[in-house]
Amino acid sequence: MASPKPPGSTSRPGVPHLAGVPAQAVSLDEVLIWLQRHGREMADRWLLELRSRSRDLDPEDERLLGEFLQLIAELLPKCLGAYRQQGLPLLHQGAELYGHLAALRGLAAGEGVEEVQLLREVLLRFLYRDPPGEGQVRGLGLRELLQISRLVDQAVTHTSIGHTDTLFFKLFHGHGVPDSTSRETRVEIREQLEDIRKELRSLVEFEMDPEDHQ
């Protein structure tokens, strides 16, 4: 038989600290702040992991991939907070565009997906090394961990969609399967990336000063 809870005990259970020390779950706001603070560093680490596993990565493609990874890292907190309904479509667009680029680079569908899957590994490393919260209140709640994992899953799914759509379009129109990118292709993709960035910036401005949009 389970022991009764002592009077005054909190109804919110603690969660295990990633280093093994019990801790209370941090708030969603703290998780969002953590993602914003570590976004650029995680994107840099993501690119480093990608570079180490990619064969003959073109320097121009590498620079473009770095822009993608930075954008996706910036979108993560927007997809968890109050404006997630506006942020999620941007994440989906960015991931599909990534899949489009993966196809143009000549990657198989599984290779493009694997590159995006690296985000999950990078996130877990950063969460273990420097979990959200301060003092004794450190650690990530199961709900928040699952939400972040679902975001990665969605990015993976839409990367696959973008890759498949590109190959289908190329084969349907008789262009064959591409095996490299061109300067014109990179320019077009950067223009589409900039469109997503503009929408992200407008979302950030709305979040910072919502009264101006009432």
C-alpha atoms as a PDB file:
ATOM      1  CA  MET A   1       0.000   0.000   0.000  1.00  0.00           C
ATOM      2  CA  ALA A   2       1.301   3.431  -0.913  1.00  0.00           C
ATOM      3  CA  SER A   3       2.097   5.790   1.948  1.00  0.00           C
ATOM      4  CA  PRO A   4      -0.257   8.774   2.271  1.00  0.00           C
ATOM      5  CA  LYS A   5       1.127  12.155   1.340  1.00  0.00           C
ATOM      6  CA  PRO A   6       2.071  14.325   4.302  1.00  0.00           C
ATOM      7  CA  PRO A   7      -0.031  17.466   4.856  1.00  0.00           C
ATOM      8  CA  GLY A   8       1.047  20.427   2.737  1.00  0.00           C
ATOM      9  CA  SER A   9       2.927  18.308   0.197  1.00  0.00           C
ATOM     10  CA  THR A  10       3.069  19.741  -3.307  1.00  0.00           C
ATOM     11  CA  SER A  11       1.014  18.133  -6.042  1.00  0.00           C
ATOM     12  CA  ARG A  12       3.695  18.716  -8.672  1.00  0.00           C
ATOM     13  CA  PRO A  13       6.245  15.894  -8.668  1.00  0.00           C
ATOM     14  CA  GLY A  14       9.913  16.502  -8.987  1.00  0.00           C
ATOM     15  CA  VAL A  15      11.879  15.251 -11.976  1.00  0.00           C
ATOM     16  CA  PRO A  16      15.308  13.639 -11.943  1.00  0.00           C
ATOM     17  CA  HIS A  17      18.165  15.957 -12.757  1.00  0.00           C
ATOM     18  CA  LEU A  18      20.036  14.769 -15.832  1.00  0.00           C
ATOM     19  CA  ALA A  19      23.121  14.326 -13.654  1.00  0.00           C
ATOM     20  CA  GLY A  20      21.168  12.182 -11.158  1.00  0.00           C
ATOM     21  CA  VAL A  21      20.312  14.822  -8.525  1.00  0.00           C
ATOM     22  CA  PRO A  22      16.565  15.155  -7.803  1.00  0.00           C
ATOM     23  CA  ALA A  23      15.181  18.523  -8.788  1.00  0.00           C
ATOM     24  CA  GLN A  24      11.896  20.272  -9.377  1.00  0.00           C
ATOM     25  CA  ALA A  25      10.795  20.710 -12.978  1.00  0.00           C
ATOM     26  CA  VAL A  26      11.501  24.141 -14.413  1.00  0.00           C
ATOM     27  CA  SER A  27       8.767  26.278 -15.920  1.00  0.00           C
ATOM     28  CA  LEU A  28       8.057  26.485 -19.633  1.00  0.00           C
ATOM     29  CA  ASP A  29       9.274  30.097 -19.633  1.00  0.00           C
ATOM     30  CA  GLU A  30      12.658  28.935 -18.323  1.00  0.00           C
ATOM     31  CA  VAL A  31      12.821  26.303 -21.056  1.00  0.00           C
ATOM     32  CA  LEU A  32      12.105  28.953 -23.711  1.00  0.00           C
ATOM     33  CA  ILE A  33      14.789  31.243 -22.278  1.00  0.00           C
ATOM     34  CA  TRP A  34      17.233  28.319 -22.269  1.00  0.00           C
ATOM     35  CA  LEU A  35      16.516  27.520 -25.924  1.00  0.00           C
ATOM     36  CA  GLN A  36      16.999  31.165 -26.892  1.00  0.00           C
ATOM     37  CA  ARG A  37      20.254  31.435 -24.940  1.00  0.00           C
ATOM     38  CA  HIS A  38      21.770  28.263 -26.416  1.00  0.00           C
ATOM     39  CA  GLY A  39      20.292  28.480 -29.923  1.00  0.00           C
ATOM     40  CA  ARG A  40      23.323  29.840 -31.753  1.00  0.00           C
ATOM     41  CA  GLU A  41      25.771  27.573 -29.940  1.00  0.00           C
ATOM     42  CA  MET A  42      23.600  24.514 -30.627  1.00  0.00           C
ATOM     43  CA  ALA A  43      23.393  25.418 -34.320  1.00  0.00           C
ATOM     44  CA  ASP A  44      27.188  25.730 -34.457  1.00  0.00           C
ATOM     45  CA  ARG A  45      27.573  22.333 -32.800  1.00  0.00           C
ATOM     46  CA  TRP A  46      24.969  20.871 -35.153  1.00  0.00           C
ATOM     47  CA  LEU A  47      26.916  22.108 -38.161  1.00  0.00           C
ATOM     48  CA  LEU A  48      30.138  20.668 -36.713  1.00  0.00           C
ATOM     49  CA  GLU A  49      28.491  17.256 -36.305  1.00  0.00           C
ATOM     50  CA  LEU A  50      27.063  17.465 -39.816  1.00  0.00           C
ATOM     51  CA  ARG A  51      30.429  18.415 -41.285  1.00  0.00           C
ATOM     52  CA  SER A  52      32.159  15.503 -39.567  1.00  0.00           C
ATOM     53  CA  ARG A  53      29.671  13.006 -41.037  1.00  0.00           C
ATOM     54  CA  SER A  54      29.272  14.413 -44.540  1.00  0.00           C
ATOM     55  CA  ARG A  55      31.459  13.363 -47.427  1.00  0.00           C
ATOM     56  CA  ASP A  56      32.899  16.048 -49.690  1.00  0.00           C
ATOM     57  CA  LEU A  57      30.667  18.831 -48.384  1.00  0.00           C
ATOM     58  CA  ASP A  58      30.915  21.794 -50.733  1.00  0.00           C
ATOM     59  CA  PRO A  59      32.063  24.956 -48.851  1.00  0.00           C
ATOM     60  CA  GLU A  60      29.235  27.008 -50.393  1.00  0.00           C
ATOM     61  CA  ASP A  61      26.676  24.368 -49.394  1.00  0.00           C
ATOM     62  CA  GLU A  62      28.178  24.305 -45.897  1.00  0.00           C
ATOM     63  CA  ARG A  63      27.626  28.042 -45.501  1.00  0.00           C
ATOM     64  CA  LEU A  64      24.041  27.664 -46.680  1.00  0.00           C
ATOM     65  CA  LEU A  65      23.452  24.741 -44.316  1.00  0.00           C
ATOM     66  CA  GLY A  66      24.754  26.871 -41.456  1.00  0.00           C
ATOM     67  CA  GLU A  67      22.071  29.454 -42.252  1.00  0.00           C
ATOM     68  CA  PHE A  68      19.424  26.725 -42.194  1.00  0.00           C
ATOM     69  CA  LEU A  69      20.538  25.350 -38.849  1.00  0.00           C
ATOM     70  CA  GLN A  70      20.623  28.804 -37.254  1.00  0.00           C
ATOM     71  CA  LEU A  71      17.095  29.486 -38.470  1.00  0.00           C
ATOM     72  CA  ILE A  72      15.715  26.174 -37.195  1.00  0.00           C
ATOM     73  CA  ALA A  73      17.377  26.724 -33.803  1.00  0.00           C
ATOM     74  CA  GLU A  74      15.777  30.192 -33.615  1.00  0.00           C
ATOM     75  CA  LEU A  75      12.370  28.738 -34.438  1.00  0.00           C
ATOM     76  CA  LEU A  76      12.355  26.102 -31.676  1.00  0.00           C
ATOM     77  CA  PRO A  77      11.347  28.392 -28.774  1.00  0.00           C
ATOM     78  CA  LYS A  78       8.711  30.073 -30.977  1.00  0.00           C
ATOM     79  CA  CYS A  79       7.161  26.650 -31.597  1.00  0.00           C
ATOM     80  CA  LEU A  80       6.753  26.002 -27.855  1.00  0.00           C
ATOM     81  CA  GLY A  81       5.580  29.364 -26.547  1.00  0.00           C
ATOM     82  CA  ALA A  82       2.403  31.397 -26.844  1.00  0.00           C
ATOM     83  CA  TYR A  83       2.893  31.885 -30.598  1.00  0.00           C
ATOM     84  CA  ARG A  84       3.455  28.246 -31.484  1.00  0.00           C
ATOM     85  CA  GLN A  85       0.507  28.257 -33.905  1.00  0.00           C
ATOM     86  CA  GLN A  86       2.372  30.904 -35.914  1.00  0.00           C
ATOM     87  CA  GLY A  87       5.821  29.377 -35.360  1.00  0.00           C
ATOM     88  CA  LEU A  88       5.082  25.788 -36.388  1.00  0.00           C
ATOM     89  CA  PRO A  89       4.258  26.577 -40.047  1.00  0.00           C
ATOM     90  CA  LEU A  90       7.584  28.417 -40.294  1.00  0.00           C
ATOM     91  CA  LEU A  91       9.421  25.384 -38.909  1.00  0.00           C
ATOM     92  CA  HIS A  92       7.634  23.160 -41.416  1.00  0.00           C
ATOM     93  CA  GLN A  93       8.516  25.499 -44.291  1.00  0.00           C
ATOM     94  CA  GLY A  94      12.150  25.641 -43.211  1.00  0.00           C
ATOM     95  CA  ALA A  95      12.395  21.842 -42.889  1.00  0.00           C
ATOM     96  CA  GLU A  96      10.782  21.244 -46.289  1.00  0.00           C
ATOM     97  CA  LEU A  97      13.195  23.720 -47.838  1.00  0.00           C
ATOM     98  CA  TYR A  98      16.043  21.836 -46.141  1.00  0.00           C
ATOM     99  CA  GLY A  99      14.760  18.604 -47.699  1.00  0.00           C
ATOM    100  CA  HIS A 100      14.596  20.373 -51.065  1.00  0.00           C
ATOM    101  CA  LEU A 101      18.242  21.391 -50.695  1.00  0.00           C
ATOM    102  CA  ALA A 102      19.212  17.862 -49.594  1.00  0.00           C
ATOM    103  CA  ALA A 103      17.727  16.478 -52.812  1.00  0.00           C
ATOM    104  CA  LEU A 104      19.548  19.076 -54.907  1.00  0.00           C
ATOM    105  CA  ARG A 105      22.793  18.111 -53.144  1.00  0.00           C
ATOM    106  CA  GLY A 106      22.247  14.570 -54.394  1.00  0.00           C
ATOM    107  CA  LEU A 107      21.528  13.074 -50.967  1.00  0.00           C
ATOM    108  CA  ALA A 108      19.252  10.095 -50.474  1.00  0.00           C
ATOM    109  CA  ALA A 109      16.130  10.743 -48.401  1.00  0.00           C
ATOM    110  CA  GLY A 110      17.610   8.933 -45.412  1.00  0.00           C
ATOM    111  CA  GLU A 111      20.754  11.063 -45.511  1.00  0.00           C
ATOM    112  CA  GLY A 112      18.839  14.343 -45.377  1.00  0.00           C
ATOM    113  CA  VAL A 113      16.696  13.013 -42.534  1.00  0.00           C
ATOM    114  CA  GLU A 114      19.787  11.868 -40.647  1.00  0.00           C
ATOM    115  CA  GLU A 115      21.236  15.383 -40.840  1.00  0.00           C
ATOM    116  CA  VAL A 116      18.118  16.815 -39.201  1.00  0.00           C
ATOM    117  CA  GLN A 117      18.021  13.985 -36.650  1.00  0.00           C
ATOM    118  CA  LEU A 118      21.386  15.257 -35.391  1.00  0.00           C
ATOM    119  CA  LEU A 119      19.456  18.113 -33.770  1.00  0.00           C
ATOM    120  CA  ARG A 120      18.018  15.684 -31.211  1.00  0.00           C
ATOM    121  CA  GLU A 121      21.489  14.458 -30.285  1.00  0.00           C
ATOM    122  CA  VAL A 122      22.792  18.019 -29.953  1.00  0.00           C
ATOM    123  CA  LEU A 123      19.828  19.036 -27.781  1.00  0.00           C
ATOM    124  CA  LEU A 124      20.350  16.100 -25.432  1.00  0.00           C
ATOM    125  CA  ARG A 125      24.049  16.894 -25.070  1.00  0.00           C
ATOM    126  CA  PHE A 126      23.322  20.504 -24.166  1.00  0.00           C
ATOM    127  CA  LEU A 127      20.535  19.507 -21.767  1.00  0.00           C
ATOM    128  CA  TYR A 128      22.883  17.115 -19.983  1.00  0.00           C
ATOM    129  CA  ARG A 129      25.751  19.601 -19.820  1.00  0.00           C
ATOM    130  CA  ASP A 130      23.745  22.663 -18.811  1.00  0.00           C
ATOM    131  CA  PRO A 131      20.091  21.889 -17.946  1.00  0.00           C
ATOM    132  CA  PRO A 132      17.538  24.726 -17.702  1.00  0.00           C
ATOM    133  CA  GLY A 133      16.859  26.383 -14.349  1.00  0.00           C
ATOM    134  CA  GLU A 134      18.870  27.807 -11.506  1.00  0.00           C
ATOM    135  CA  GLY A 135      20.076  26.497  -8.157  1.00  0.00           C
ATOM    136  CA  GLN A 136      18.195  23.428  -6.966  1.00  0.00           C
ATOM    137  CA  VAL A 137      15.389  23.966  -9.461  1.00  0.00           C
ATOM    138  CA  ARG A 138      17.078  22.388 -12.467  1.00  0.00           C
ATOM    139  CA  GLY A 139      15.986  19.749 -14.915  1.00  0.00           C
ATOM    140  CA  LEU A 140      13.489  19.349 -17.712  1.00  0.00           C
ATOM    141  CA  GLY A 141       9.950  18.099 -17.127  1.00  0.00           C
ATOM    142  CA  LEU A 142       8.735  15.110 -19.126  1.00  0.00           C
ATOM    143  CA  ARG A 143       6.083  17.187 -20.882  1.00  0.00           C
ATOM    144  CA  GLU A 144       8.584  19.771 -22.112  1.00  0.00           C
ATOM    145  CA  LEU A 145      11.051  17.052 -23.139  1.00  0.00           C
ATOM    146  CA  LEU A 146       8.352  15.328 -25.197  1.00  0.00           C
ATOM    147  CA  GLN A 147       7.320  18.632 -26.778  1.00  0.00           C
ATOM    148  CA  ILE A 148      10.886  19.339 -27.886  1.00  0.00           C
ATOM    149  CA  SER A 149      11.241  15.794 -29.210  1.00  0.00           C
ATOM    150  CA  ARG A 150       8.020  16.193 -31.195  1.00  0.00           C
ATOM    151  CA  LEU A 151       9.395  19.356 -32.770  1.00  0.00           C
ATOM    152  CA  VAL A 152      12.417  17.408 -33.989  1.00  0.00           C
ATOM    153  CA  ASP A 153      10.087  14.690 -35.295  1.00  0.00           C
ATOM    154  CA  GLN A 154       8.082  17.286 -37.209  1.00  0.00           C
ATOM    155  CA  ALA A 155      11.251  18.777 -38.683  1.00  0.00           C
ATOM    156  CA  VAL A 156      12.342  15.302 -39.775  1.00  0.00           C
ATOM    157  CA  THR A 157       8.942  14.558 -41.340  1.00  0.00           C
ATOM    158  CA  HIS A 158       8.855  17.796 -43.321  1.00  0.00           C
ATOM    159  CA  THR A 159      12.461  17.351 -44.424  1.00  0.00           C
ATOM    160  CA  SER A 160      11.427  14.032 -45.938  1.00  0.00           C
ATOM    161  CA  ILE A 161       8.408  15.686 -47.588  1.00  0.00           C
ATOM    162  CA  GLY A 162      10.578  18.389 -49.143  1.00  0.00           C
ATOM    163  CA  HIS A 163      13.082  15.841 -50.404  1.00  0.00           C
ATOM    164  CA  THR A 164      10.393  13.587 -51.910  1.00  0.00           C
ATOM    165  CA  ASP A 165       8.533  16.458 -53.569  1.00  0.00           C
ATOM    166  CA  THR A 166      11.726  17.721 -55.184  1.00  0.00           C
ATOM    167  CA  LEU A 167      12.685  14.341 -56.610  1.00  0.00           C
ATOM    168  CA  PHE A 168       9.149  13.735 -57.863  1.00  0.00           C
ATOM    169  CA  PHE A 169       9.078  17.124 -59.577  1.00  0.00           C
ATOM    170  CA  LYS A 170      12.474  16.588 -61.197  1.00  0.00           C
ATOM    171  CA  LEU A 171      11.649  13.084 -62.424  1.00  0.00           C
ATOM    172  CA  PHE A 172       8.141  14.031 -63.551  1.00  0.00           C
ATOM    173  CA  HIS A 173       9.497  16.851 -65.686  1.00  0.00           C
ATOM    174  CA  GLY A 174      12.304  14.707 -67.049  1.00  0.00           C
ATOM    175  CA  HIS A 175      15.141  16.647 -65.441  1.00  0.00           C
ATOM    176  CA  GLY A 176      16.648  13.588 -63.780  1.00  0.00           C
ATOM    177  CA  VAL A 177      17.928  13.291 -60.210  1.00  0.00           C
ATOM    178  CA  PRO A 178      20.257  16.193 -59.325  1.00  0.00           C
ATOM    179  CA  ASP A 179      23.641  15.529 -57.762  1.00  0.00           C
ATOM    180  CA  SER A 180      24.842  19.051 -56.967  1.00  0.00           C
ATOM    181  CA  THR A 181      23.688  22.603 -56.370  1.00  0.00           C
ATOM    182  CA  SER A 182      24.337  25.650 -58.517  1.00  0.00           C
ATOM    183  CA  ARG A 183      24.882  29.306 -57.685  1.00  0.00           C
ATOM    184  CA  GLU A 184      21.409  30.112 -59.025  1.00  0.00           C
ATOM    185  CA  THR A 185      19.881  27.407 -56.840  1.00  0.00           C
ATOM    186  CA  ARG A 186      21.580  28.755 -53.710  1.00  0.00           C
ATOM    187  CA  VAL A 187      20.369  32.267 -54.500  1.00  0.00           C
ATOM    188  CA  GLU A 188      16.772  31.027 -54.850  1.00  0.00           C
ATOM    189  CA  ILE A 189      16.975  29.062 -51.598  1.00  0.00           C
ATOM    190  CA  ARG A 190      18.454  32.024 -49.724  1.00  0.00           C
ATOM    191  CA  GLU A 191      15.577  34.184 -50.962  1.00  0.00           C
ATOM    192  CA  GLN A 192      13.101  31.662 -49.554  1.00  0.00           C
ATOM    193  CA  LEU A 193      15.065  31.492 -46.302  1.00  0.00           C
ATOM    194  CA  GLU A 194      14.899  35.276 -46.043  1.00  0.00           C
ATOM    195  CA  ASP A 195      11.111  35.144 -46.467  1.00  0.00           C
ATOM    196  CA  ILE A 196      10.910  32.769 -43.483  1.00  0.00           C
ATOM    197  CA  ARG A 197      13.251  35.027 -41.476  1.00  0.00           C
ATOM    198  CA  LYS A 198      11.041  38.043 -42.201  1.00  0.00           C
ATOM    199  CA  GLU A 199       8.005  36.188 -40.880  1.00  0.00           C
ATOM    200  CA  LEU A 200      10.005  35.129 -37.829  1.00  0.00           C
ATOM    201  CA  ARG A 201      11.101  38.736 -37.195  1.00  0.00           C
ATOM    202  CA  SER A 202       7.523  39.955 -37.446  1.00  0.00           C
ATOM    203  CA  LEU A 203       6.497  37.263 -34.968  1.00  0.00           C
ATOM    204  CA  VAL A 204       9.249  38.350 -32.543  1.00  0.00           C
ATOM    205  CA  GLU A 205       8.150  41.982 -32.837  1.00  0.00           C
ATOM    206  CA  PHE A 206       4.559  40.962 -32.147  1.00  0.00           C
ATOM    207  CA  GLU A 207       5.670  38.981 -29.089  1.00  0.00           C
ATOM    208  CA  MET A 208       7.739  41.842 -27.695  1.00  0.00           C
ATOM    209  CA  ASP A 209       5.052  44.512 -28.118  1.00  0.00           C
ATOM    210  CA  PRO A 210       1.646  42.848 -28.523  1.00  0.00           C
ATOM    211  CA  GLU A 211      -0.278  46.027 -27.574  1.00  0.00           C
ATOM    212  CA  ASP A 212       0.684  47.601 -30.891  1.00  0.00           C
ATOM    213  CA  HIS A 213      -1.137  44.788 -32.675  1.00  0.00           C
ATOM    214  CA  GLN A 214      -4.380  44.839 -30.734  1.00  0.00           C
END
